[in-house]
C-alpha atoms as a PDB file:
ATOM      1  CA  MET A   1     116.872 108.170  18.814  1.00  0.00           C
ATOM      2  CA  LYS A   2     118.999 110.960  20.291  1.00  0.00           C
ATOM      3  CA  PRO A   3     120.426 110.425  24.172  1.00  0.00           C
ATOM      4  CA  THR A   4     118.837 112.356  26.752  1.00  0.00           C
ATOM      5  CA  PHE A   5     121.938 114.483  27.395  1.00  0.00           C
ATOM      6  CA  HIS A   6     122.929 115.097  23.781  1.00  0.00           C
ATOM      7  CA  LEU A   7     119.485 116.871  23.434  1.00  0.00           C
ATOM      8  CA  ALA A   8     119.801 118.589  26.146  1.00  0.00           C
ATOM      9  CA  GLU A   9     123.110 120.281  24.679  1.00  0.00           C
ATOM     10  CA  GLU A  10     121.937 121.404  21.762  1.00  0.00           C
ATOM     11  CA  GLU A  11     118.042 123.172  23.480  1.00  0.00           C
ATOM     12  CA  LYS A  12     118.441 126.853  23.668  1.00  0.00           C
ATOM     13  CA  ASP A  13     115.744 127.311  25.946  1.00  0.00           C
ATOM     14  CA  ASP A  14     117.629 127.182  29.642  1.00  0.00           C
ATOM     15  CA  ALA A  15     114.934 126.250  31.617  1.00  0.00           C
ATOM     16  CA  GLN A  16     114.063 123.257  28.986  1.00  0.00           C
ATOM     17  CA  ARG A  17     118.025 122.117  29.485  1.00  0.00           C
ATOM     18  CA  ALA A  18     118.202 122.642  33.087  1.00  0.00           C
ATOM     19  CA  SER A  19     114.865 119.881  33.014  1.00  0.00           C
ATOM     20  CA  LEU A  20     116.312 117.408  30.514  1.00  0.00           C
ATOM     21  CA  LEU A  21     120.116 117.733  32.722  1.00  0.00           C
ATOM     22  CA  GLU A  22     117.645 117.392  35.310  1.00  0.00           C
ATOM     23  CA  ASP A  23     116.351 114.063  33.883  1.00  0.00           C
ATOM     24  CA  VAL A  24     120.364 113.331  32.919  1.00  0.00           C
ATOM     25  CA  ALA A  25     121.346 113.042  36.783  1.00  0.00           C
ATOM     26  CA  LYS A  26     118.365 111.077  37.643  1.00  0.00           C
ATOM     27  CA  GLU A  27     119.344 108.331  34.692  1.00  0.00           C
ATOM     28  CA  ILE A  28     122.253 108.281  36.154  1.00  0.00           C
ATOM     29  CA  ALA A  29     121.858 107.904  39.469  1.00  0.00           C
ATOM     30  CA  ALA A  30     119.822 104.410  38.797  1.00  0.00           C
ATOM     31  CA  ALA A  31     121.886 103.128  36.624  1.00  0.00           C
ATOM     32  CA  ASP A  32     124.930 103.510  39.373  1.00  0.00           C
ATOM     33  CA  ALA A  33     122.400 101.606  42.378  1.00  0.00           C
ATOM     34  CA  TYR A  34     121.447  99.111  40.046  1.00  0.00           C
ATOM     35  CA  VAL A  35     125.713  98.495  39.079  1.00  0.00           C
ATOM     36  CA  SER A  36     125.895  98.942  42.795  1.00  0.00           C
ATOM     37  CA  GLY A  37     123.040  95.705  43.625  1.00  0.00           C
ATOM     38  CA  LEU A  38     124.274  94.026  40.647  1.00  0.00           C
ATOM     39  CA  GLU A  39     127.613  94.311  42.303  1.00  0.00           C
ATOM     40  CA  THR A  40     126.816  93.426  46.122  1.00  0.00           C
ATOM     41  CA  LYS A  41     124.561  90.234  45.291  1.00  0.00           C
ATOM     42  CA  THR A  42     128.005  89.398  43.063  1.00  0.00           C
ATOM     43  CA  LEU A  43     130.375  89.507  46.769  1.00  0.00           C
ATOM     44  CA  LEU A  44     126.926  87.196  48.812  1.00  0.00           C
ATOM     45  CA  ALA A  45     128.559  83.984  47.963  1.00  0.00           C
ATOM     46  CA  GLY A  46     128.892  82.724  51.845  1.00  0.00           C
ATOM     47  CA  GLU A  47     127.097  79.887  52.982  1.00  0.00           C
ATOM     48  CA  ASN A  48     124.058  81.399  54.825  1.00  0.00           C
ATOM     49  CA  ASP A  49     124.363  84.396  52.596  1.00  0.00           C
ATOM     50  CA  ARG A  50     121.422  83.261  51.397  1.00  0.00           C
ATOM     51  CA  LEU A  51     119.248  83.085  54.105  1.00  0.00           C
ATOM     52  CA  ASN A  52     116.910  84.876  55.882  1.00  0.00           C
ATOM     53  CA  ALA A  53     118.093  86.968  59.553  1.00  0.00           C
ATOM     54  CA  ILE A  54     117.500  86.911  63.335  1.00  0.00           C
ATOM     55  CA  VAL A  55     118.577  90.352  64.371  1.00  0.00           C
ATOM     56  CA  THR A  56     119.034  91.130  68.499  1.00  0.00           C
ATOM     57  CA  ILE A  57     119.316  94.532  69.976  1.00  0.00           C
ATOM     58  CA  LYS A  58     121.157  95.240  73.013  1.00  0.00           C
ATOM     59  CA  PRO A  59     122.102  98.517  75.308  1.00  0.00           C
ATOM     60  CA  GLY A  60     124.861  98.310  76.853  1.00  0.00           C
ATOM     61  CA  ALA A  61     125.913 100.316  80.222  1.00  0.00           C
ATOM     62  CA  GLY A  62     124.336 103.737  80.559  1.00  0.00           C
ATOM     63  CA  GLY A  63     120.787 103.191  81.659  1.00  0.00           C
ATOM     64  CA  THR A  64     117.829 105.249  79.460  1.00  0.00           C
ATOM     65  CA  GLU A  65     120.262 106.485  77.054  1.00  0.00           C
ATOM     66  CA  SER A  66     122.271 103.193  76.068  1.00  0.00           C
ATOM     67  CA  GLN A  67     118.107 101.978  75.991  1.00  0.00           C
ATOM     68  CA  ASP A  68     116.448 104.785  73.397  1.00  0.00           C
ATOM     69  CA  TRP A  69     120.368 104.034  71.919  1.00  0.00           C
ATOM     70  CA  ALA A  70     119.069 100.342  71.369  1.00  0.00           C
ATOM     71  CA  GLU A  71     115.433 101.199  70.071  1.00  0.00           C
ATOM     72  CA  MET A  72     116.900 103.628  67.708  1.00  0.00           C
ATOM     73  CA  LEU A  73     118.657 101.076  66.153  1.00  0.00           C
ATOM     74  CA  LEU A  74     115.962  98.756  65.865  1.00  0.00           C
ATOM     75  CA  ARG A  75     113.581 100.755  64.176  1.00  0.00           C
ATOM     76  CA  MET A  76     117.145 101.393  61.657  1.00  0.00           C
ATOM     77  CA  TYR A  77     116.664  97.654  60.732  1.00  0.00           C
ATOM     78  CA  MET A  78     113.095  97.690  60.523  1.00  0.00           C
ATOM     79  CA  ARG A  79     112.968 100.723  58.139  1.00  0.00           C
ATOM     80  CA  TRP A  80     115.795  99.340  55.960  1.00  0.00           C
ATOM     81  CA  SER A  81     113.747  96.281  55.785  1.00  0.00           C
ATOM     82  CA  GLU A  82     110.943  98.299  55.048  1.00  0.00           C
ATOM     83  CA  GLN A  83     112.417 100.023  51.913  1.00  0.00           C
ATOM     84  CA  LYS A  84     114.674  96.281  50.635  1.00  0.00           C
ATOM     85  CA  ASP A  85     110.470  95.030  50.492  1.00  0.00           C
ATOM     86  CA  PHE A  86     111.662  92.150  53.591  1.00  0.00           C
ATOM     87  CA  ARG A  87     109.695  91.405  56.014  1.00  0.00           C
ATOM     88  CA  ALA A  88     110.295  91.925  59.268  1.00  0.00           C
ATOM     89  CA  SER A  89     108.689  90.357  62.410  1.00  0.00           C
ATOM     90  CA  LEU A  90     109.686  91.534  66.026  1.00  0.00           C
ATOM     91  CA  VAL A  91     110.424  88.273  67.834  1.00  0.00           C
ATOM     92  CA  ASP A  92     110.923  89.033  71.187  1.00  0.00           C
ATOM     93  CA  SER A  93     111.006  92.549  72.786  1.00  0.00           C
ATOM     94  CA  THR A  94     111.473  93.962  76.477  1.00  0.00           C
ATOM     95  CA  PRO A  95     110.575  97.910  77.050  1.00  0.00           C
ATOM     96  CA  GLY A  96     113.252 100.227  79.393  1.00  0.00           C
ATOM     97  CA  GLU A  97     111.804 100.751  82.274  1.00  0.00           C
ATOM     98  CA  GLU A  98     111.855 105.123  80.995  1.00  0.00           C
ATOM     99  CA  ALA A  99     112.499 104.803  77.322  1.00  0.00           C
ATOM    100  CA  GLY A 100     114.003 102.438  75.196  1.00  0.00           C
ATOM    101  CA  ILE A 101     114.526  98.780  74.883  1.00  0.00           C
ATOM    102  CA  LYS A 102     116.637  96.226  77.230  1.00  0.00           C
ATOM    103  CA  SER A 103     115.948  93.501  74.097  1.00  0.00           C
ATOM    104  CA  ALA A 104     114.500  93.169  71.294  1.00  0.00           C
ATOM    105  CA  THR A 105     115.356  90.416  68.367  1.00  0.00           C
ATOM    106  CA  VAL A 106     113.713  90.845  64.647  1.00  0.00           C
ATOM    107  CA  LEU A 107     113.135  88.362  62.459  1.00  0.00           C
ATOM    108  CA  ILE A 108     114.196  89.763  58.941  1.00  0.00           C
ATOM    109  CA  GLU A 109     112.955  88.003  56.045  1.00  0.00           C
ATOM    110  CA  GLY A 110     114.404  88.573  51.979  1.00  0.00           C
ATOM    111  CA  GLU A 111     116.174  87.232  50.192  1.00  0.00           C
ATOM    112  CA  ASN A 112     120.740  87.571  50.964  1.00  0.00           C
ATOM    113  CA  ALA A 113     119.056  89.128  54.092  1.00  0.00           C
ATOM    114  CA  TYR A 114     121.855  87.470  56.239  1.00  0.00           C
ATOM    115  CA  GLY A 115     124.601  87.865  53.655  1.00  0.00           C
ATOM    116  CA  MET A 116     123.473  91.733  53.918  1.00  0.00           C
ATOM    117  CA  LEU A 117     123.165  92.201  57.495  1.00  0.00           C
ATOM    118  CA  ALA A 118     126.016  89.976  58.952  1.00  0.00           C
ATOM    119  CA  GLY A 119     128.413  92.521  58.625  1.00  0.00           C
ATOM    120  CA  GLU A 120     125.944  94.726  61.404  1.00  0.00           C
ATOM    121  CA  SER A 121     127.232  92.527  63.786  1.00  0.00           C
ATOM    122  CA  GLY A 122     129.521  94.549  66.873  1.00  0.00           C
ATOM    123  CA  VAL A 123     129.234  97.491  69.387  1.00  0.00           C
ATOM    124  CA  HIS A 124     127.779 100.586  67.943  1.00  0.00           C
ATOM    125  CA  ARG A 125     128.417 103.801  69.410  1.00  0.00           C
ATOM    126  CA  LEU A 126     125.939 106.677  69.659  1.00  0.00           C
ATOM    127  CA  VAL A 127     127.429 110.637  70.322  1.00  0.00           C
ATOM    128  CA  ARG A 128     124.962 113.082  71.175  1.00  0.00           C
ATOM    129  CA  ILE A 129     123.527 115.685  73.224  1.00  0.00           C
ATOM    130  CA  SER A 130     121.070 113.579  75.629  1.00  0.00           C
ATOM    131  CA  PRO A 131     117.158 114.292  75.803  1.00  0.00           C
ATOM    132  CA  PHE A 132     116.925 113.173  78.563  1.00  0.00           C
ATOM    133  CA  ASP A 133     119.559 114.581  80.141  1.00  0.00           C
ATOM    134  CA  GLN A 134     118.457 119.029  82.024  1.00  0.00           C
ATOM    135  CA  ALA A 135     121.776 120.206  81.713  1.00  0.00           C
ATOM    136  CA  ALA A 136     121.992 119.159  77.779  1.00  0.00           C
ATOM    137  CA  ARG A 137     125.377 117.979  78.062  1.00  0.00           C
ATOM    138  CA  ARG A 138     126.369 115.336  75.707  1.00  0.00           C
ATOM    139  CA  HIS A 139     126.469 111.765  76.326  1.00  0.00           C
ATOM    140  CA  THR A 140     128.218 108.523  74.531  1.00  0.00           C
ATOM    141  CA  SER A 141     125.906 106.003  74.515  1.00  0.00           C
ATOM    142  CA  PHE A 142     126.403 101.861  73.161  1.00  0.00           C
ATOM    143  CA  ALA A 143     124.649  99.848  71.599  1.00  0.00           C
ATOM    144  CA  SER A 144     125.200  95.492  70.838  1.00  0.00           C
ATOM    145  CA  VAL A 145     123.665  94.377  67.613  1.00  0.00           C
ATOM    146  CA  PHE A 146     124.368  90.335  66.939  1.00  0.00           C
ATOM    147  CA  VAL A 147     122.708  88.894  63.480  1.00  0.00           C
ATOM    148  CA  ILE A 148     122.422  84.610  62.838  1.00  0.00           C
ATOM    149  CA  PRO A 149     121.203  83.308  59.835  1.00  0.00           C
ATOM    150  CA  GLU A 150     118.028  81.911  60.353  1.00  0.00           C
ATOM    151  CA  ILE A 151     118.566  78.011  59.567  1.00  0.00           C
ATOM    152  CA  ASP A 152     116.163  76.297  56.293  1.00  0.00           C
ATOM    153  CA  ASP A 153     114.588  72.498  56.366  1.00  0.00           C
ATOM    154  CA  GLN A 154     117.709  71.588  54.744  1.00  0.00           C
ATOM    155  CA  ILE A 155     119.921  71.943  57.540  1.00  0.00           C
ATOM    156  CA  GLU A 156     119.454  69.692  60.546  1.00  0.00           C
ATOM    157  CA  ILE A 157     120.234  70.295  63.794  1.00  0.00           C
ATOM    158  CA  ASN A 158     119.958  67.413  66.434  1.00  0.00           C
ATOM    159  CA  VAL A 159     118.326  68.567  69.405  1.00  0.00           C
ATOM    160  CA  ARG A 160     117.364  66.110  72.036  1.00  0.00           C
ATOM    161  CA  PRO A 161     114.644  66.800  74.534  1.00  0.00           C
ATOM    162  CA  GLU A 162     116.147  65.923  77.690  1.00  0.00           C
ATOM    163  CA  ASP A 163     118.687  68.182  76.822  1.00  0.00           C
ATOM    164  CA  LEU A 164     116.225  71.262  77.079  1.00  0.00           C
ATOM    165  CA  ARG A 165     114.411  72.678  79.890  1.00  0.00           C
ATOM    166  CA  VAL A 166     111.062  75.129  78.964  1.00  0.00           C
ATOM    167  CA  ASP A 167     109.794  77.273  80.961  1.00  0.00           C
ATOM    168  CA  THR A 168     106.117  79.479  80.016  1.00  0.00           C
ATOM    169  CA  PHE A 169     105.543  82.807  81.691  1.00  0.00           C
ATOM    170  CA  ARG A 170     103.215  85.901  81.344  1.00  0.00           C
ATOM    171  CA  ALA A 171     104.324  88.252  78.511  1.00  0.00           C
ATOM    172  CA  GLY A 172     104.652  91.889  78.431  1.00  0.00           C
ATOM    173  CA  GLY A 173     104.175  94.730  76.682  1.00  0.00           C
ATOM    174  CA  HIS A 174     101.341  95.910  75.072  1.00  0.00           C
ATOM    175  CA  GLY A 175      99.342  92.075  73.058  1.00  0.00           C
ATOM    176  CA  GLY A 176      95.888  92.138  74.198  1.00  0.00           C
ATOM    177  CA  GLN A 177      94.546  90.049  77.313  1.00  0.00           C
ATOM    178  CA  ASN A 178      94.989  86.915  76.050  1.00  0.00           C
ATOM    179  CA  VAL A 179      98.592  87.545  76.044  1.00  0.00           C
ATOM    180  CA  ASN A 180      99.767  89.619  78.861  1.00  0.00           C
ATOM    181  CA  LYS A 181      96.934  86.888  80.986  1.00  0.00           C
ATOM    182  CA  VAL A 182      98.141  83.741  79.521  1.00  0.00           C
ATOM    183  CA  GLU A 183     101.389  82.200  80.147  1.00  0.00           C
ATOM    184  CA  SER A 184     101.630  82.332  76.455  1.00  0.00           C
ATOM    185  CA  ALA A 185     104.858  83.423  76.646  1.00  0.00           C
ATOM    186  CA  VAL A 186     107.807  79.754  75.843  1.00  0.00           C
ATOM    187  CA  ARG A 187     111.362  80.478  77.217  1.00  0.00           C
ATOM    188  CA  ILE A 188     113.600  77.617  75.992  1.00  0.00           C
ATOM    189  CA  THR A 189     117.338  76.968  77.770  1.00  0.00           C
ATOM    190  CA  HIS A 190     119.954  74.625  76.062  1.00  0.00           C
ATOM    191  CA  LEU A 191     121.575  72.830  78.916  1.00  0.00           C
ATOM    192  CA  PRO A 192     124.592  71.587  77.317  1.00  0.00           C
ATOM    193  CA  SER A 193     125.945  74.864  75.232  1.00  0.00           C
ATOM    194  CA  GLY A 194     123.390  77.505  78.149  1.00  0.00           C
ATOM    195  CA  VAL A 195     121.892  79.290  75.067  1.00  0.00           C
ATOM    196  CA  VAL A 196     119.042  80.634  76.145  1.00  0.00           C
ATOM    197  CA  VAL A 197     116.035  82.357  73.849  1.00  0.00           C
ATOM    198  CA  GLN A 198     112.348  83.459  73.831  1.00  0.00           C
ATOM    199  CA  CYS A 199     109.265  83.990  72.117  1.00  0.00           C
ATOM    200  CA  GLN A 200     106.412  86.342  73.275  1.00  0.00           C
ATOM    201  CA  ASN A 201     104.747  87.490  70.331  1.00  0.00           C
ATOM    202  CA  GLU A 202     102.288  85.747  69.836  1.00  0.00           C
ATOM    203  CA  ARG A 203      98.785  85.108  71.392  1.00  0.00           C
ATOM    204  CA  SER A 204      99.485  81.224  71.027  1.00  0.00           C
ATOM    205  CA  GLN A 205     101.929  78.895  73.103  1.00  0.00           C
ATOM    206  CA  HIS A 206     102.224  76.373  70.706  1.00  0.00           C
ATOM    207  CA  LYS A 207     103.708  78.981  68.265  1.00  0.00           C
ATOM    208  CA  ASN A 208     105.614  80.753  70.383  1.00  0.00           C
ATOM    209  CA  ARG A 209     107.585  77.772  71.126  1.00  0.00           C
ATOM    210  CA  GLU A 210     108.093  76.681  67.083  1.00  0.00           C
ATOM    211  CA  ILE A 211     109.561  80.428  66.447  1.00  0.00           C
ATOM    212  CA  ALA A 212     111.515  79.856  69.559  1.00  0.00           C
ATOM    213  CA  MET A 213     112.754  76.292  68.990  1.00  0.00           C
ATOM    214  CA  LYS A 214     113.667  77.904  64.975  1.00  0.00           C
ATOM    215  CA  MET A 215     116.001  80.454  67.138  1.00  0.00           C
ATOM    216  CA  LEU A 216     117.641  78.015  68.987  1.00  0.00           C
ATOM    217  CA  ARG A 217     118.793  76.196  66.094  1.00  0.00           C
ATOM    218  CA  SER A 218     119.776  78.970  64.203  1.00  0.00           C
ATOM    219  CA  GLN A 219     122.400  79.673  67.766  1.00  0.00           C
ATOM    220  CA  LEU A 220     122.975  76.316  67.701  1.00  0.00           C
ATOM    221  CA  TYR A 221     124.128  75.976  64.493  1.00  0.00           C
ATOM    222  CA  GLU A 222     125.994  79.573  64.609  1.00  0.00           C
ATOM    223  CA  LEU A 223     127.788  78.072  67.466  1.00  0.00           C
ATOM    224  CA  GLU A 224     129.269  75.520  65.231  1.00  0.00           C
ATOM    225  CA  ILE A 225     129.683  77.698  62.754  1.00  0.00           C
ATOM    226  CA  GLU A 226     132.108  80.057  65.279  1.00  0.00           C
ATOM    227  CA  LYS A 227     134.333  77.209  65.863  1.00  0.00           C
ATOM    228  CA  ARG A 228     134.744  77.050  63.220  1.00  0.00           C
ATOM    229  CA  ARG A 229     135.678  80.406  62.097  1.00  0.00           C
ATOM    230  CA  GLU A 230     138.331  80.366  65.303  1.00  0.00           C
ATOM    231  CA  ASP A 231     141.090  79.350  63.096  1.00  0.00           C
ATOM    232  CA  LEU A 232     140.782  81.475  60.718  1.00  0.00           C
ATOM    233  CA  ARG A 233     140.763  84.754  63.406  1.00  0.00           C
ATOM    234  CA  LYS A 234     144.220  83.201  64.469  1.00  0.00           C
ATOM    235  CA  LEU A 235     145.643  83.311  61.612  1.00  0.00           C
ATOM    236  CA  ASP A 236     144.607  86.824  60.815  1.00  0.00           C
ATOM    237  CA  ALA A 237     144.234  88.598  64.012  1.00  0.00           C
ATOM    238  CA  SER A 238     142.840  92.415  62.665  1.00  0.00           C
ATOM    239  CA  LYS A 239     139.527  90.767  61.875  1.00  0.00           C
ATOM    240  CA  PRO A 240     136.531  91.884  63.846  1.00  0.00           C
ATOM    241  CA  GLU A 241     136.214  89.843  66.907  1.00  0.00           C
ATOM    242  CA  ILE A 242     131.786  89.086  66.936  1.00  0.00           C
ATOM    243  CA  SER A 243     131.722  90.307  70.558  1.00  0.00           C
ATOM    244  CA  PHE A 244     130.301  93.664  72.652  1.00  0.00           C
ATOM    245  CA  GLY A 245     133.758  94.945  72.705  1.00  0.00           C
ATOM    246  CA  SER A 246     134.215  95.718  69.831  1.00  0.00           C
ATOM    247  CA  GLN A 247     133.497  98.849  68.199  1.00  0.00           C
ATOM    248  CA  ILE A 248     132.169  99.147  64.547  1.00  0.00           C
ATOM    249  CA  ARG A 249     130.868 101.787  63.754  1.00  0.00           C
ATOM    250  CA  SER A 250     129.990 105.633  65.599  1.00  0.00           C
ATOM    251  CA  TYR A 251     126.942 107.713  64.790  1.00  0.00           C
ATOM    252  CA  THR A 252     128.081 111.252  66.497  1.00  0.00           C
ATOM    253  CA  LEU A 253     125.310 113.542  66.397  1.00  0.00           C
ATOM    254  CA  GLN A 254     126.776 116.685  68.426  1.00  0.00           C
ATOM    255  CA  PRO A 255     128.347 118.576  67.863  1.00  0.00           C
ATOM    256  CA  TYR A 256     129.454 118.189  64.257  1.00  0.00           C
ATOM    257  CA  GLN A 257     126.982 114.678  62.181  1.00  0.00           C
ATOM    258  CA  LEU A 258     129.278 111.692  61.001  1.00  0.00           C
ATOM    259  CA  ILE A 259     128.701 108.562  61.099  1.00  0.00           C
ATOM    260  CA  LYS A 260     131.828 106.809  60.648  1.00  0.00           C
ATOM    261  CA  ASP A 261     132.271 102.786  60.341  1.00  0.00           C
ATOM    262  CA  VAL A 262     135.374 101.561  61.517  1.00  0.00           C
ATOM    263  CA  ARG A 263     136.547  98.894  59.793  1.00  0.00           C
ATOM    264  CA  THR A 264     135.880 100.357  55.935  1.00  0.00           C
ATOM    265  CA  LYS A 265     136.510 103.921  57.249  1.00  0.00           C
ATOM    266  CA  VAL A 266     133.522 104.724  55.057  1.00  0.00           C
ATOM    267  CA  GLU A 267     131.931 108.045  56.691  1.00  0.00           C
ATOM    268  CA  ARG A 268     128.491 109.502  55.753  1.00  0.00           C
ATOM    269  CA  GLY A 269     127.150 112.762  56.822  1.00  0.00           C
ATOM    270  CA  ASP A 270     123.459 112.744  56.191  1.00  0.00           C
ATOM    271  CA  VAL A 271     123.572 111.578  59.542  1.00  0.00           C
ATOM    272  CA  ASP A 272     118.744 110.917  59.333  1.00  0.00           C
ATOM    273  CA  LYS A 273     119.312 109.522  56.243  1.00  0.00           C
ATOM    274  CA  VAL A 274     120.755 107.486  57.445  1.00  0.00           C
ATOM    275  CA  LEU A 275     119.262 106.069  60.774  1.00  0.00           C
ATOM    276  CA  ASN A 276     115.990 106.728  58.372  1.00  0.00           C
ATOM    277  CA  GLY A 277     117.385 102.900  57.389  1.00  0.00           C
ATOM    278  CA  ASP A 278     120.033 103.729  54.654  1.00  0.00           C
ATOM    279  CA  LEU A 279     122.766 101.995  54.936  1.00  0.00           C
ATOM    280  CA  ASP A 280     123.702 100.177  51.157  1.00  0.00           C
ATOM    281  CA  GLU A 281     126.544 102.053  51.311  1.00  0.00           C
ATOM    282  CA  PHE A 282     127.855 100.642  55.113  1.00  0.00           C
ATOM    283  CA  ILE A 283     126.602  97.224  53.882  1.00  0.00           C
ATOM    284  CA  ARG A 284     128.393  97.195  49.879  1.00  0.00           C
ATOM    285  CA  ALA A 285     131.940  98.286  51.604  1.00  0.00           C
ATOM    286  CA  TYR A 286     131.480  96.066  54.148  1.00  0.00           C
ATOM    287  CA  LEU A 287     131.247  92.951  52.144  1.00  0.00           C
ATOM    288  CA  LEU A 288     134.245  94.191  49.471  1.00  0.00           C
ATOM    289  CA  TYR A 289     135.972  95.139  52.634  1.00  0.00           C
ATOM    290  CA  ARG A 290     135.210  90.949  53.807  1.00  0.00           C
ATOM    291  CA  ARG A 291     136.592  89.892  49.804  1.00  0.00           C
ATOM    292  CA  ASP A 292     139.469  91.205  50.561  1.00  0.00           C
ATOM    293  CA  LEU A 293     140.523  89.662  54.053  1.00  0.00           C
ATOM    294  CA  ASP A 294     139.214  86.310  52.774  1.00  0.00           C
ATOM    295  CA  ALA A 295     141.384  86.756  49.518  1.00  0.00           C
ATOM    296  CA  ALA A 296     144.792  88.072  52.307  1.00  0.00           C
ATOM    297  CA  PRO A 297     145.533  84.202  52.971  1.00  0.00           C
ATOM    298  CA  ALA A 298     145.182  82.895  49.156  1.00  0.00           C
ATOM    299  CA  ARG A 299     147.487  86.056  47.966  1.00  0.00           C
ATOM    300  CA  LYS A 300     150.168  85.783  50.336  1.00  0.00           C
END
């Protein structure tokens, strides 16, 4: 049986040839996507890569502008999760006064969710004509993304009850009468570390506490991992800091359209597609970048 490409070469009818060549292009694109997917999986060999991801998004200075940008990023990750057939649950969200969000935390459940999203941690910069500026001036906004793994039951984190302060309060936003009138929301403070987590998404205080405890254990685990990583960071100062001041990607909507990753130098001009969740090229490039950084000390 001849391949579609050879059939297209032999076809004399222009319309039929064009149709066959279009089929060839689709087959090649599907093959490229399949190979890229396999390569991405081979790069996800980290200790926590296979785990679910907890993604926290916060706006930077700039009020409504940055809060709106933070909500755009939240939507981008939710769309990405849908495309991956992952389950994305909004664990906690605080709306902005006029638009956007003051903060949001999403639990993304799926194979290798943390490994694929770990590289999204850092500051994301947006340049656009502000929809909130009557003079239609260009504004620059910043928002931070922080990604940690959701710790599974195989990893034990010892959290002593006497080290916790648990506060309950009425949940805000849209959630029904029970959520708004009963103190179902839970905030837990880990006194030794100062880590604070909260959950207000569920109607049940018990369920919110259960989710908040899971988030707390994950953050405490990440603090321990960060202590071990600190020595490696000192050896390689070029590795990006996971902090609010480290810009990892710029999204320019005006005067031209371009998204550029500062670390990997990957650029995309189809900004709408990226903001609708098409992040695979950035994710794969970061995994290759991470692999090369990890291999650098060994080469020396």
